[in-house]
Amino acid sequence: MTMLSPSRAEEALHHVVQQFTQWRRSRSTPRGRIPPALWEQAVALTRELPLTRVAQQLGLCPQRLRKHCRGKASPQPLCPLWKCTPPGACLQRRWKCSGPMGSSSV
């Protein structure tokens, strides 16, 4: 993955903040587990922005985010950096991203 410009990184952060907000509003229990797809998005952001900033903006505990960062051997691409079909599909189990590295399905 290539380094993003600061404005693209901020745009990606804003997109993931919206996804977390949507998930928090729609979850069935107040203390439900964060879906793996959202954790992957948060971890991918830490490669472009400081971990503490990502954790604060997403409302996550920095230690938990750090733990997830250490547990990921092969990172997934950060969806906002590529074109997602359909928009907002990142919260679904399946998504299609196409970008410089080709297409992948998670």
Protein backbone atom coordinates (compact mmCIF):
# COMPACT_ATOMS: atom_id res chain seq x y z
CA MET A 1 0.00 0.00 0.00
CA THR A 2 1.34 3.41 -0.89
CA MET A 3 1.39 6.38 1.43
CA LEU A 4 -1.61 8.68 1.14
CA SER A 5 -1.57 12.41 1.01
CA PRO A 6 -2.73 13.99 4.29
CA SER A 7 -6.00 15.10 2.72
CA ARG A 8 -6.75 11.58 1.40
CA ALA A 9 -5.94 10.10 4.82
CA GLU A 10 -8.32 12.55 6.49
CA GLU A 11 -10.99 11.72 3.92
CA ALA A 12 -10.53 8.02 4.64
CA LEU A 13 -10.75 8.69 8.39
CA HIS A 14 -13.98 10.64 7.92
CA HIS A 15 -15.45 7.75 5.89
CA VAL A 16 -14.58 5.20 8.60
CA VAL A 17 -15.97 7.50 11.33
CA GLN A 18 -19.27 7.51 9.42
CA GLN A 19 -19.20 3.70 9.21
CA PHE A 20 -18.63 3.38 12.97
CA THR A 21 -21.43 5.87 13.63
CA GLN A 22 -23.81 3.92 11.41
CA TRP A 23 -22.85 0.65 13.09
CA ARG A 24 -23.33 2.12 16.58
CA ARG A 25 -26.81 3.36 15.67
CA SER A 26 -27.90 0.07 14.14
CA ARG A 27 -26.39 -2.52 16.51
CA SER A 28 -28.81 -4.77 18.34
CA THR A 29 -27.17 -4.54 21.79
CA PRO A 30 -25.49 -1.53 23.40
CA ARG A 31 -22.27 -3.45 24.00
CA GLY A 32 -22.14 -5.46 20.78
CA ARG A 33 -18.82 -6.51 19.31
CA ILE A 34 -17.27 -4.35 16.64
CA PRO A 35 -17.47 -6.21 13.31
CA PRO A 36 -14.14 -7.48 11.91
CA ALA A 37 -14.56 -5.34 8.78
CA LEU A 38 -14.61 -2.18 10.92
CA TRP A 39 -11.56 -3.29 12.89
CA GLU A 40 -9.73 -3.89 9.60
CA GLN A 41 -10.62 -0.38 8.44
CA ALA A 42 -9.37 1.12 11.72
CA VAL A 43 -6.13 -0.87 11.56
CA ALA A 44 -5.53 0.23 7.96
CA LEU A 45 -5.94 3.86 9.00
CA THR A 46 -3.18 3.52 11.60
CA ARG A 47 -0.70 3.01 8.75
CA GLU A 48 -1.47 6.52 7.52
CA LEU A 49 -2.37 8.46 10.69
CA PRO A 50 -1.25 8.33 14.34
CA LEU A 51 -2.90 5.49 16.25
CA THR A 52 -4.08 7.79 19.04
CA ARG A 53 -5.80 10.10 16.55
CA VAL A 54 -7.55 7.20 14.83
CA ALA A 55 -8.67 5.73 18.17
CA GLN A 56 -9.98 9.08 19.42
CA GLN A 57 -11.90 9.87 16.23
CA LEU A 58 -13.45 6.38 16.09
CA GLY A 59 -14.25 6.28 19.82
CA LEU A 60 -11.98 3.29 20.43
CA CYS A 61 -9.66 2.42 23.26
CA PRO A 62 -6.09 2.99 21.96
CA GLN A 63 -4.85 -0.19 23.66
CA ARG A 64 -7.51 -2.33 21.95
CA LEU A 65 -6.72 -0.77 18.58
CA ARG A 66 -3.00 -1.39 19.15
CA LYS A 67 -3.78 -5.02 19.99
CA HIS A 68 -5.69 -5.41 16.72
CA CYS A 69 -2.82 -3.77 14.83
CA ARG A 70 -0.37 -6.32 16.19
CA GLY A 71 -2.66 -9.23 15.37
CA LYS A 72 -2.94 -8.48 11.64
CA ALA A 73 -0.24 -10.18 9.59
CA SER A 74 -1.62 -9.45 6.11
CA PRO A 75 -3.46 -6.12 5.95
CA GLN A 76 -6.64 -5.67 3.93
CA PRO A 77 -6.85 -2.63 1.65
CA LEU A 78 -8.50 0.43 3.11
CA CYS A 79 -11.82 0.57 1.30
CA PRO A 80 -12.26 4.37 1.03
CA LEU A 81 -9.04 4.51 -0.95
CA TRP A 82 -10.60 2.40 -3.66
CA LYS A 83 -13.99 2.40 -5.29
CA CYS A 84 -16.54 0.35 -3.35
CA THR A 85 -19.58 -1.11 -5.01
CA PRO A 86 -22.20 -0.30 -3.79
CA PRO A 87 -21.38 2.79 -1.69
CA GLY A 88 -21.38 1.93 2.01
CA ALA A 89 -20.90 -1.76 1.26
CA CYS A 90 -17.98 -1.83 3.67
CA LEU A 91 -20.37 -2.69 6.50
CA GLN A 92 -21.66 -5.74 4.69
CA ARG A 93 -20.01 -9.15 4.82
CA ARG A 94 -19.01 -8.99 1.15
CA TRP A 95 -17.59 -6.00 -0.65
CA LYS A 96 -15.85 -5.43 -3.92
CA CYS A 97 -12.96 -3.03 -4.04
CA SER A 98 -11.04 -2.21 -7.15
CA GLY A 99 -7.94 -0.13 -7.13
CA PRO A 100 -4.30 -0.13 -8.04
CA MET A 101 -3.80 -3.59 -6.59
CA GLY A 102 -6.66 -5.13 -8.57
CA SER A 103 -9.98 -6.46 -7.33
CA SER A 104 -10.51 -8.31 -4.12
CA SER A 105 -13.48 -9.70 -2.29
CA VAL A 106 -13.48 -9.91 1.50
